[in-house]
Amino acid sequence: MSDAAETHRDFVRQIVEDDLRTGKWDGRVQTRFPPEPNGYLHIGHAKSICLNFGLARDYAASPGGARCHLRFDDTNPTKEETEYVDSIIEAVRWLGFDWVH
């Protein structure tokens, strides 16, 4: 990568690349998307999906590999509607991503 391209990388990718360069986390890149399944996603969720799943995609060839986990974050899953879980899964796939099961 050229020096110009390196200076224009976002701060998250700069941190990931610094960690990879120093061997932190054994060269593994691991992210997660933890939505609460109590409603439909909004634009902020879409940004998080693209960042977290995109990092895993972009760094899949890193020495330790890369993954993004879809982890539904809820303390009482019996109160949640499967409609929202299904819509979140559909949104992640619509944006072009998949996750480790």
PDB file of N, CA and C in Angstrom:
ATOM      1  N   MET A   1       0.845  -1.168   0.000  1.00  0.00           N
ATOM      2  CA  MET A   1       0.000   0.000   0.000  1.00  0.00           C
ATOM      3  C   MET A   1       0.899   1.242   0.000  1.00  0.00           C
ATOM      4  N   SER A   2       0.529   2.261  -0.760  1.00  0.00           N
ATOM      5  CA  SER A   2       1.339   3.470  -0.828  1.00  0.00           C
ATOM      6  C   SER A   2       1.203   4.271   0.459  1.00  0.00           C
ATOM      7  N   ASP A   3       2.171   5.158   0.705  1.00  0.00           N
ATOM      8  CA  ASP A   3       2.117   6.001   1.905  1.00  0.00           C
ATOM      9  C   ASP A   3       0.882   6.888   1.891  1.00  0.00           C
ATOM     10  N   ALA A   4       0.497   7.378   0.715  1.00  0.00           N
ATOM     11  CA  ALA A   4      -0.684   8.237   0.613  1.00  0.00           C
ATOM     12  C   ALA A   4      -1.946   7.469   0.989  1.00  0.00           C
ATOM     13  N   ALA A   5      -2.058   6.224   0.513  1.00  0.00           N
ATOM     14  CA  ALA A   5      -3.239   5.412   0.848  1.00  0.00           C
ATOM     15  C   ALA A   5      -3.253   5.094   2.342  1.00  0.00           C
ATOM     16  N   GLU A   6      -2.070   4.855   2.912  1.00  0.00           N
ATOM     17  CA  GLU A   6      -1.977   4.531   4.341  1.00  0.00           C
ATOM     18  C   GLU A   6      -2.454   5.708   5.200  1.00  0.00           C
ATOM     19  N   THR A   7      -2.107   6.927   4.829  1.00  0.00           N
ATOM     20  CA  THR A   7      -2.485   8.077   5.639  1.00  0.00           C
ATOM     21  C   THR A   7      -3.967   8.394   5.528  1.00  0.00           C
ATOM     22  N   HIS A   8      -4.645   7.877   4.534  1.00  0.00           N
ATOM     23  CA  HIS A   8      -6.067   8.140   4.345  1.00  0.00           C
ATOM     24  C   HIS A   8      -6.957   7.011   4.860  1.00  0.00           C
ATOM     25  N   ARG A   9      -6.388   5.998   5.484  1.00  0.00           N
ATOM     26  CA  ARG A   9      -7.183   4.912   6.046  1.00  0.00           C
ATOM     27  C   ARG A   9      -7.868   5.440   7.294  1.00  0.00           C
ATOM     28  N   ASP A  10      -9.065   4.930   7.563  1.00  0.00           N
ATOM     29  CA  ASP A  10      -9.769   5.384   8.764  1.00  0.00           C
ATOM     30  C   ASP A  10      -9.047   4.894  10.016  1.00  0.00           C
ATOM     31  N   PHE A  11      -9.356   5.515  11.150  1.00  0.00           N
ATOM     32  CA  PHE A  11      -8.621   5.219  12.375  1.00  0.00           C
ATOM     33  C   PHE A  11      -8.827   3.786  12.854  1.00  0.00           C
ATOM     34  N   VAL A  12      -9.963   3.181  12.567  1.00  0.00           N
ATOM     35  CA  VAL A  12     -10.194   1.804  12.994  1.00  0.00           C
ATOM     36  C   VAL A  12      -9.248   0.870  12.255  1.00  0.00           C
ATOM     37  N   ARG A  13      -9.156   1.023  10.945  1.00  0.00           N
ATOM     38  CA  ARG A  13      -8.259   0.177  10.166  1.00  0.00           C
ATOM     39  C   ARG A  13      -6.791   0.445  10.506  1.00  0.00           C
ATOM     40  N   GLN A  14      -6.454   1.675  10.854  1.00  0.00           N
ATOM     41  CA  GLN A  14      -5.089   1.960  11.293  1.00  0.00           C
ATOM     42  C   GLN A  14      -4.771   1.184  12.570  1.00  0.00           C
ATOM     43  N   ILE A  15      -5.722   1.127  13.499  1.00  0.00           N
ATOM     44  CA  ILE A  15      -5.524   0.370  14.742  1.00  0.00           C
ATOM     45  C   ILE A  15      -5.389  -1.116  14.440  1.00  0.00           C
ATOM     46  N   VAL A  16      -6.268  -1.643  13.570  1.00  0.00           N
ATOM     47  CA  VAL A  16      -6.199  -3.064  13.214  1.00  0.00           C
ATOM     48  C   VAL A  16      -4.843  -3.373  12.584  1.00  0.00           C
ATOM     49  N   GLU A  17      -4.398  -2.539  11.678  1.00  0.00           N
ATOM     50  CA  GLU A  17      -3.122  -2.792  11.011  1.00  0.00           C
ATOM     51  C   GLU A  17      -1.946  -2.669  11.973  1.00  0.00           C
ATOM     52  N   ASP A  18      -2.009  -1.741  12.920  1.00  0.00           N
ATOM     53  CA  ASP A  18      -0.962  -1.651  13.945  1.00  0.00           C
ATOM     54  C   ASP A  18      -0.933  -2.935  14.780  1.00  0.00           C
ATOM     55  N   ASP A  19      -2.121  -3.419  15.164  1.00  0.00           N
ATOM     56  CA  ASP A  19      -2.191  -4.662  15.943  1.00  0.00           C
ATOM     57  C   ASP A  19      -1.640  -5.843  15.147  1.00  0.00           C
ATOM     58  N   LEU A  20      -1.965  -5.911  13.866  1.00  0.00           N
ATOM     59  CA  LEU A  20      -1.453  -7.001  13.028  1.00  0.00           C
ATOM     60  C   LEU A  20       0.070  -6.917  12.894  1.00  0.00           C
ATOM     61  N   ARG A  21       0.554  -5.694  12.724  1.00  0.00           N
ATOM     62  CA  ARG A  21       1.999  -5.488  12.558  1.00  0.00           C
ATOM     63  C   ARG A  21       2.774  -5.900  13.814  1.00  0.00           C
ATOM     64  N   THR A  22       2.186  -5.690  14.993  1.00  0.00           N
ATOM     65  CA  THR A  22       2.880  -6.002  16.250  1.00  0.00           C
ATOM     66  C   THR A  22       2.563  -7.410  16.758  1.00  0.00           C
ATOM     67  N   GLY A  23       1.677  -8.123  16.065  1.00  0.00           N
ATOM     68  CA  GLY A  23       1.341  -9.486  16.481  1.00  0.00           C
ATOM     69  C   GLY A  23       0.337  -9.561  17.626  1.00  0.00           C
ATOM     70  N   LYS A  24      -0.278  -8.445  17.941  1.00  0.00           N
ATOM     71  CA  LYS A  24      -1.279  -8.447  19.004  1.00  0.00           C
ATOM     72  C   LYS A  24      -2.443  -9.344  18.598  1.00  0.00           C
ATOM     73  N   TRP A  25      -3.002 -10.044  19.551  1.00  0.00           N
ATOM     74  CA  TRP A  25      -4.126 -10.965  19.348  1.00  0.00           C
ATOM     75  C   TRP A  25      -3.765 -12.115  18.411  1.00  0.00           C
ATOM     76  N   ASP A  26      -2.483 -12.435  18.307  1.00  0.00           N
ATOM     77  CA  ASP A  26      -1.999 -13.532  17.458  1.00  0.00           C
ATOM     78  C   ASP A  26      -2.401 -13.362  15.997  1.00  0.00           C
ATOM     79  N   GLY A  27      -2.511 -12.117  15.545  1.00  0.00           N
ATOM     80  CA  GLY A  27      -2.839 -11.851  14.153  1.00  0.00           C
ATOM     81  C   GLY A  27      -4.301 -12.072  13.800  1.00  0.00           C
ATOM     82  N   ARG A  28      -5.149 -12.233  14.809  1.00  0.00           N
ATOM     83  CA  ARG A  28      -6.579 -12.505  14.596  1.00  0.00           C
ATOM     84  C   ARG A  28      -7.359 -11.186  14.634  1.00  0.00           C
ATOM     85  N   VAL A  29      -8.299 -11.034  13.717  1.00  0.00           N
ATOM     86  CA  VAL A  29      -9.217  -9.895  13.709  1.00  0.00           C
ATOM     87  C   VAL A  29     -10.601 -10.452  13.999  1.00  0.00           C
ATOM     88  N   GLN A  30     -11.207  -9.976  15.060  1.00  0.00           N
ATOM     89  CA  GLN A  30     -12.510 -10.509  15.452  1.00  0.00           C
ATOM     90  C   GLN A  30     -13.411  -9.357  15.887  1.00  0.00           C
ATOM     91  N   THR A  31     -14.564  -9.264  15.239  1.00  0.00           N
ATOM     92  CA  THR A  31     -15.534  -8.223  15.567  1.00  0.00           C
ATOM     93  C   THR A  31     -16.888  -8.872  15.835  1.00  0.00           C
ATOM     94  N   ARG A  32     -17.846  -8.045  16.248  1.00  0.00           N
ATOM     95  CA  ARG A  32     -19.194  -8.567  16.450  1.00  0.00           C
ATOM     96  C   ARG A  32     -20.202  -7.470  16.178  1.00  0.00           C
ATOM     97  N   PHE A  33     -21.389  -7.893  15.829  1.00  0.00           N
ATOM     98  CA  PHE A  33     -22.517  -6.984  15.674  1.00  0.00           C
ATOM     99  C   PHE A  33     -23.575  -7.476  16.651  1.00  0.00           C
ATOM    100  N   PRO A  34     -23.816  -6.741  17.766  1.00  0.00           N
ATOM    101  CA  PRO A  34     -24.701  -7.222  18.824  1.00  0.00           C
ATOM    102  C   PRO A  34     -26.032  -6.463  18.922  1.00  0.00           C
ATOM    103  N   PRO A  35     -26.906  -6.568  17.942  1.00  0.00           N
ATOM    104  CA  PRO A  35     -28.159  -5.811  18.037  1.00  0.00           C
ATOM    105  C   PRO A  35     -29.103  -6.390  19.095  1.00  0.00           C
ATOM    106  N   GLU A  36     -29.920  -5.527  19.653  1.00  0.00           N
ATOM    107  CA  GLU A  36     -30.990  -5.993  20.532  1.00  0.00           C
ATOM    108  C   GLU A  36     -32.199  -6.261  19.646  1.00  0.00           C
ATOM    109  N   PRO A  37     -32.737  -7.464  19.673  1.00  0.00           N
ATOM    110  CA  PRO A  37     -33.837  -7.818  18.759  1.00  0.00           C
ATOM    111  C   PRO A  37     -35.202  -7.354  19.266  1.00  0.00           C
ATOM    112  N   ASN A  38     -35.308  -6.044  19.539  1.00  0.00           N
ATOM    113  CA  ASN A  38     -36.570  -5.521  20.052  1.00  0.00           C
ATOM    114  C   ASN A  38     -37.162  -4.457  19.128  1.00  0.00           C
ATOM    115  N   GLY A  39     -36.697  -4.443  17.896  1.00  0.00           N
ATOM    116  CA  GLY A  39     -37.210  -3.494  16.920  1.00  0.00           C
ATOM    117  C   GLY A  39     -36.454  -3.636  15.614  1.00  0.00           C
ATOM    118  N   TYR A  40     -36.845  -2.821  14.642  1.00  0.00           N
ATOM    119  CA  TYR A  40     -36.185  -2.848  13.346  1.00  0.00           C
ATOM    120  C   TYR A  40     -34.899  -2.025  13.402  1.00  0.00           C
ATOM    121  N   LEU A  41     -33.968  -2.351  12.533  1.00  0.00           N
ATOM    122  CA  LEU A  41     -32.693  -1.648  12.501  1.00  0.00           C
ATOM    123  C   LEU A  41     -32.852  -0.258  11.885  1.00  0.00           C
ATOM    124  N   HIS A  42     -31.928   0.642  12.227  1.00  0.00           N
ATOM    125  CA  HIS A  42     -31.904   1.993  11.671  1.00  0.00           C
ATOM    126  C   HIS A  42     -30.562   2.222  10.979  1.00  0.00           C
ATOM    127  N   ILE A  43     -30.340   3.405  10.477  1.00  0.00           N
ATOM    128  CA  ILE A  43     -29.145   3.694   9.675  1.00  0.00           C
ATOM    129  C   ILE A  43     -27.855   3.488  10.477  1.00  0.00           C
ATOM    130  N   GLY A  44     -27.886   3.761  11.764  1.00  0.00           N
ATOM    131  CA  GLY A  44     -26.709   3.532  12.598  1.00  0.00           C
ATOM    132  C   GLY A  44     -26.341   2.060  12.663  1.00  0.00           C
ATOM    133  N   HIS A  45     -27.358   1.197  12.689  1.00  0.00           N
ATOM    134  CA  HIS A  45     -27.096  -0.243  12.662  1.00  0.00           C
ATOM    135  C   HIS A  45     -26.437  -0.639  11.337  1.00  0.00           C
ATOM    136  N   ALA A  46     -26.922  -0.061  10.238  1.00  0.00           N
ATOM    137  CA  ALA A  46     -26.355  -0.380   8.921  1.00  0.00           C
ATOM    138  C   ALA A  46     -24.879   0.010   8.882  1.00  0.00           C
ATOM    139  N   LYS A  47     -24.545   1.153   9.471  1.00  0.00           N
ATOM    140  CA  LYS A  47     -23.155   1.592   9.510  1.00  0.00           C
ATOM    141  C   LYS A  47     -22.312   0.606  10.319  1.00  0.00           C
ATOM    142  N   SER A  48     -22.827   0.155  11.448  1.00  0.00           N
ATOM    143  CA  SER A  48     -22.113  -0.806  12.282  1.00  0.00           C
ATOM    144  C   SER A  48     -21.945  -2.146  11.570  1.00  0.00           C
ATOM    145  N   ILE A  49     -22.981  -2.590  10.870  1.00  0.00           N
ATOM    146  CA  ILE A  49     -22.894  -3.839  10.107  1.00  0.00           C
ATOM    147  C   ILE A  49     -21.775  -3.733   9.076  1.00  0.00           C
ATOM    148  N   CYS A  50     -21.776  -2.639   8.320  1.00  0.00           N
ATOM    149  CA  CYS A  50     -20.764  -2.472   7.268  1.00  0.00           C
ATOM    150  C   CYS A  50     -19.364  -2.365   7.850  1.00  0.00           C
ATOM    151  N   LEU A  51     -19.212  -1.693   8.992  1.00  0.00           N
ATOM    152  CA  LEU A  51     -17.894  -1.584   9.608  1.00  0.00           C
ATOM    153  C   LEU A  51     -17.420  -2.938  10.117  1.00  0.00           C
ATOM    154  N   ASN A  52     -18.220  -3.587  10.941  1.00  0.00           N
ATOM    155  CA  ASN A  52     -17.780  -4.827  11.588  1.00  0.00           C
ATOM    156  C   ASN A  52     -17.648  -5.999  10.628  1.00  0.00           C
ATOM    157  N   PHE A  53     -18.644  -6.206   9.789  1.00  0.00           N
ATOM    158  CA  PHE A  53     -18.550  -7.292   8.810  1.00  0.00           C
ATOM    159  C   PHE A  53     -17.524  -6.951   7.728  1.00  0.00           C
ATOM    160  N   GLY A  54     -17.418  -5.665   7.384  1.00  0.00           N
ATOM    161  CA  GLY A  54     -16.441  -5.229   6.391  1.00  0.00           C
ATOM    162  C   GLY A  54     -15.011  -5.450   6.858  1.00  0.00           C
ATOM    163  N   LEU A  55     -14.743  -5.182   8.148  1.00  0.00           N
ATOM    164  CA  LEU A  55     -13.405  -5.453   8.688  1.00  0.00           C
ATOM    165  C   LEU A  55     -13.072  -6.934   8.576  1.00  0.00           C
ATOM    166  N   ALA A  56     -14.025  -7.772   8.945  1.00  0.00           N
ATOM    167  CA  ALA A  56     -13.792  -9.223   8.857  1.00  0.00           C
ATOM    168  C   ALA A  56     -13.525  -9.644   7.409  1.00  0.00           C
ATOM    169  N   ARG A  57     -14.266  -9.087   6.474  1.00  0.00           N
ATOM    170  CA  ARG A  57     -14.055  -9.403   5.060  1.00  0.00           C
ATOM    171  C   ARG A  57     -12.697  -8.892   4.589  1.00  0.00           C
ATOM    172  N   ASP A  58     -12.369  -7.653   4.937  1.00  0.00           N
ATOM    173  CA  ASP A  58     -11.136  -7.033   4.450  1.00  0.00           C
ATOM    174  C   ASP A  58      -9.874  -7.687   5.013  1.00  0.00           C
ATOM    175  N   TYR A  59      -9.978  -8.242   6.218  1.00  0.00           N
ATOM    176  CA  TYR A  59      -8.802  -8.820   6.865  1.00  0.00           C
ATOM    177  C   TYR A  59      -8.879 -10.345   6.964  1.00  0.00           C
ATOM    178  N   ALA A  60      -9.690 -10.952   6.130  1.00  0.00           N
ATOM    179  CA  ALA A  60      -9.847 -12.416   6.153  1.00  0.00           C
ATOM    180  C   ALA A  60      -8.523 -13.131   5.916  1.00  0.00           C
ATOM    181  N   ALA A  61      -7.624 -12.523   5.184  1.00  0.00           N
ATOM    182  CA  ALA A  61      -6.341 -13.153   4.880  1.00  0.00           C
ATOM    183  C   ALA A  61      -5.279 -12.845   5.931  1.00  0.00           C
ATOM    184  N   SER A  62      -5.656 -12.208   7.033  1.00  0.00           N
ATOM    185  CA  SER A  62      -4.673 -11.905   8.078  1.00  0.00           C
ATOM    186  C   SER A  62      -4.156 -13.213   8.675  1.00  0.00           C
ATOM    187  N   PRO A  63      -2.991 -13.174   9.308  1.00  0.00           N
ATOM    188  CA  PRO A  63      -2.361 -14.415   9.802  1.00  0.00           C
ATOM    189  C   PRO A  63      -3.275 -15.269  10.684  1.00  0.00           C
ATOM    190  N   GLY A  64      -4.052 -14.659  11.545  1.00  0.00           N
ATOM    191  CA  GLY A  64      -4.936 -15.419  12.428  1.00  0.00           C
ATOM    192  C   GLY A  64      -6.355 -15.525  11.909  1.00  0.00           C
ATOM    193  N   GLY A  65      -6.607 -14.987  10.717  1.00  0.00           N
ATOM    194  CA  GLY A  65      -7.949 -14.991  10.158  1.00  0.00           C
ATOM    195  C   GLY A  65      -8.780 -13.844  10.711  1.00  0.00           C
ATOM    196  N   ALA A  66      -9.997 -13.715  10.211  1.00  0.00           N
ATOM    197  CA  ALA A  66     -10.884 -12.642  10.647  1.00  0.00           C
ATOM    198  C   ALA A  66     -12.318 -13.150  10.658  1.00  0.00           C
ATOM    199  N   ARG A  67     -13.073 -12.706  11.664  1.00  0.00           N
ATOM    200  CA  ARG A  67     -14.477 -13.123  11.788  1.00  0.00           C
ATOM    201  C   ARG A  67     -15.308 -11.973  12.334  1.00  0.00           C
ATOM    202  N   CYS A  68     -16.567 -11.995  11.972  1.00  0.00           N
ATOM    203  CA  CYS A  68     -17.543 -11.128  12.620  1.00  0.00           C
ATOM    204  C   CYS A  68     -18.687 -12.018  13.083  1.00  0.00           C
ATOM    205  N   HIS A  69     -19.019 -11.882  14.333  1.00  0.00           N
ATOM    206  CA  HIS A  69     -20.085 -12.684  14.916  1.00  0.00           C
ATOM    207  C   HIS A  69     -21.360 -11.842  15.026  1.00  0.00           C
ATOM    208  N   LEU A  70     -22.459 -12.406  14.579  1.00  0.00           N
ATOM    209  CA  LEU A  70     -23.768 -11.800  14.808  1.00  0.00           C
ATOM    210  C   LEU A  70     -24.250 -12.366  16.130  1.00  0.00           C
ATOM    211  N   ARG A  71     -24.334 -11.505  17.134  1.00  0.00           N
ATOM    212  CA  ARG A  71     -24.678 -11.950  18.480  1.00  0.00           C
ATOM    213  C   ARG A  71     -25.845 -11.104  18.970  1.00  0.00           C
ATOM    214  N   PHE A  72     -26.998 -11.720  19.079  1.00  0.00           N
ATOM    215  CA  PHE A  72     -28.167 -10.986  19.552  1.00  0.00           C
ATOM    216  C   PHE A  72     -28.004 -10.699  21.033  1.00  0.00           C
ATOM    217  N   ASP A  73     -28.078  -9.427  21.377  1.00  0.00           N
ATOM    218  CA  ASP A  73     -27.816  -8.973  22.726  1.00  0.00           C
ATOM    219  C   ASP A  73     -29.139  -8.721  23.447  1.00  0.00           C
ATOM    220  N   ASP A  74     -29.499  -9.627  24.327  1.00  0.00           N
ATOM    221  CA  ASP A  74     -30.752  -9.453  25.049  1.00  0.00           C
ATOM    222  C   ASP A  74     -30.696 -10.208  26.372  1.00  0.00           C
ATOM    223  N   THR A  75     -31.250  -9.618  27.383  1.00  0.00           N
ATOM    224  CA  THR A  75     -31.258 -10.270  28.693  1.00  0.00           C
ATOM    225  C   THR A  75     -32.499 -11.109  28.918  1.00  0.00           C
ATOM    226  N   ASN A  76     -33.535 -10.911  28.110  1.00  0.00           N
ATOM    227  CA  ASN A  76     -34.759 -11.691  28.265  1.00  0.00           C
ATOM    228  C   ASN A  76     -35.308 -12.091  26.897  1.00  0.00           C
ATOM    229  N   PRO A  77     -34.717 -13.109  26.267  1.00  0.00           N
ATOM    230  CA  PRO A  77     -35.116 -13.474  24.902  1.00  0.00           C
ATOM    231  C   PRO A  77     -36.551 -13.962  24.780  1.00  0.00           C
ATOM    232  N   THR A  78     -37.183 -14.386  25.854  1.00  0.00           N
ATOM    233  CA  THR A  78     -38.563 -14.866  25.748  1.00  0.00           C
ATOM    234  C   THR A  78     -39.534 -13.733  25.453  1.00  0.00           C
ATOM    235  N   LYS A  79     -39.122 -12.486  25.674  1.00  0.00           N
ATOM    236  CA  LYS A  79     -39.991 -11.340  25.418  1.00  0.00           C
ATOM    237  C   LYS A  79     -39.838 -10.776  24.006  1.00  0.00           C
ATOM    238  N   GLU A  80     -38.850 -11.247  23.262  1.00  0.00           N
ATOM    239  CA  GLU A  80     -38.576 -10.696  21.936  1.00  0.00           C
ATOM    240  C   GLU A  80     -39.373 -11.422  20.862  1.00  0.00           C
ATOM    241  N   GLU A  81     -39.683 -10.688  19.822  1.00  0.00           N
ATOM    242  CA  GLU A  81     -40.434 -11.218  18.683  1.00  0.00           C
ATOM    243  C   GLU A  81     -39.467 -11.766  17.638  1.00  0.00           C
ATOM    244  N   THR A  82     -39.759 -12.949  17.130  1.00  0.00           N
ATOM    245  CA  THR A  82     -38.889 -13.519  16.092  1.00  0.00           C
ATOM    246  C   THR A  82     -38.916 -12.660  14.825  1.00  0.00           C
ATOM    247  N   GLU A  83     -39.953 -11.870  14.661  1.00  0.00           N
ATOM    248  CA  GLU A  83     -40.040 -10.964  13.516  1.00  0.00           C
ATOM    249  C   GLU A  83     -38.812 -10.046  13.461  1.00  0.00           C
ATOM    250  N   TYR A  84     -38.379  -9.542  14.619  1.00  0.00           N
ATOM    251  CA  TYR A  84     -37.232  -8.637  14.651  1.00  0.00           C
ATOM    252  C   TYR A  84     -35.921  -9.390  14.411  1.00  0.00           C
ATOM    253  N   VAL A  85     -35.803 -10.575  14.957  1.00  0.00           N
ATOM    254  CA  VAL A  85     -34.612 -11.401  14.716  1.00  0.00           C
ATOM    255  C   VAL A  85     -34.499 -11.689  13.216  1.00  0.00           C
ATOM    256  N   ASP A  86     -35.599 -12.110  12.617  1.00  0.00           N
ATOM    257  CA  ASP A  86     -35.604 -12.416  11.180  1.00  0.00           C
ATOM    258  C   ASP A  86     -35.268 -11.188  10.344  1.00  0.00           C
ATOM    259  N   SER A  87     -35.788 -10.022  10.744  1.00  0.00           N
ATOM    260  CA  SER A  87     -35.523  -8.804   9.975  1.00  0.00           C
ATOM    261  C   SER A  87     -34.051  -8.390  10.075  1.00  0.00           C
ATOM    262  N   ILE A  88     -33.434  -8.633  11.230  1.00  0.00           N
ATOM    263  CA  ILE A  88     -32.014  -8.313  11.392  1.00  0.00           C
ATOM    264  C   ILE A  88     -31.165  -9.228  10.513  1.00  0.00           C
ATOM    265  N   ILE A  89     -31.461 -10.506  10.535  1.00  0.00           N
ATOM    266  CA  ILE A  89     -30.741 -11.464   9.687  1.00  0.00           C
ATOM    267  C   ILE A  89     -30.891 -11.082   8.215  1.00  0.00           C
ATOM    268  N   GLU A  90     -32.094 -10.726   7.828  1.00  0.00           N
ATOM    269  CA  GLU A  90     -32.358 -10.319   6.441  1.00  0.00           C
ATOM    270  C   GLU A  90     -31.574  -9.052   6.084  1.00  0.00           C
ATOM    271  N   ALA A  91     -31.515  -8.090   7.000  1.00  0.00           N
ATOM    272  CA  ALA A  91     -30.796  -6.840   6.736  1.00  0.00           C
ATOM    273  C   ALA A  91     -29.295  -7.085   6.566  1.00  0.00           C
ATOM    274  N   VAL A  92     -28.725  -7.927   7.413  1.00  0.00           N
ATOM    275  CA  VAL A  92     -27.293  -8.246   7.296  1.00  0.00           C
ATOM    276  C   VAL A  92     -27.019  -8.883   5.941  1.00  0.00           C
ATOM    277  N   ARG A  93     -27.849  -9.809   5.546  1.00  0.00           N
ATOM    278  CA  ARG A  93     -27.658 -10.476   4.241  1.00  0.00           C
ATOM    279  C   ARG A  93     -27.916  -9.511   3.087  1.00  0.00           C
ATOM    280  N   TRP A  94     -28.907  -8.629   3.231  1.00  0.00           N
ATOM    281  CA  TRP A  94     -29.213  -7.657   2.179  1.00  0.00           C
ATOM    282  C   TRP A  94     -28.016  -6.735   1.956  1.00  0.00           C
ATOM    283  N   LEU A  95     -27.303  -6.423   3.027  1.00  0.00           N
ATOM    284  CA  LEU A  95     -26.113  -5.581   2.905  1.00  0.00           C
ATOM    285  C   LEU A  95     -24.907  -6.355   2.361  1.00  0.00           C
ATOM    286  N   GLY A  96     -25.079  -7.658   2.133  1.00  0.00           N
ATOM    287  CA  GLY A  96     -24.041  -8.455   1.476  1.00  0.00           C
ATOM    288  C   GLY A  96     -23.115  -9.217   2.403  1.00  0.00           C
ATOM    289  N   PHE A  97     -23.534  -9.425   3.650  1.00  0.00           N
ATOM    290  CA  PHE A  97     -22.664 -10.090   4.617  1.00  0.00           C
ATOM    291  C   PHE A  97     -23.295 -11.344   5.175  1.00  0.00           C
ATOM    292  N   ASP A  98     -22.459 -12.169   5.772  1.00  0.00           N
ATOM    293  CA  ASP A  98     -22.877 -13.372   6.475  1.00  0.00           C
ATOM    294  C   ASP A  98     -22.004 -13.442   7.714  1.00  0.00           C
ATOM    295  N   TRP A  99     -22.225 -14.409   8.564  1.00  0.00           N
ATOM    296  CA  TRP A  99     -21.506 -14.478   9.824  1.00  0.00           C
ATOM    297  C   TRP A  99     -21.139 -15.909  10.159  1.00  0.00           C
ATOM    298  N   VAL A 100     -20.284 -16.022  11.163  1.00  0.00           N
ATOM    299  CA  VAL A 100     -19.875 -17.332  11.663  1.00  0.00           C
ATOM    300  C   VAL A 100     -20.980 -17.849  12.546  1.00  0.00           C
ATOM    301  N   HIS A 101     -21.411 -19.080  12.298  1.00  0.00           N
ATOM    302  CA  HIS A 101     -22.504 -19.665  13.081  1.00  0.00           C
ATOM    303  C   HIS A 101     -21.956 -20.417  14.256  1.00  0.00           C
TER     304      HIS A 101
END
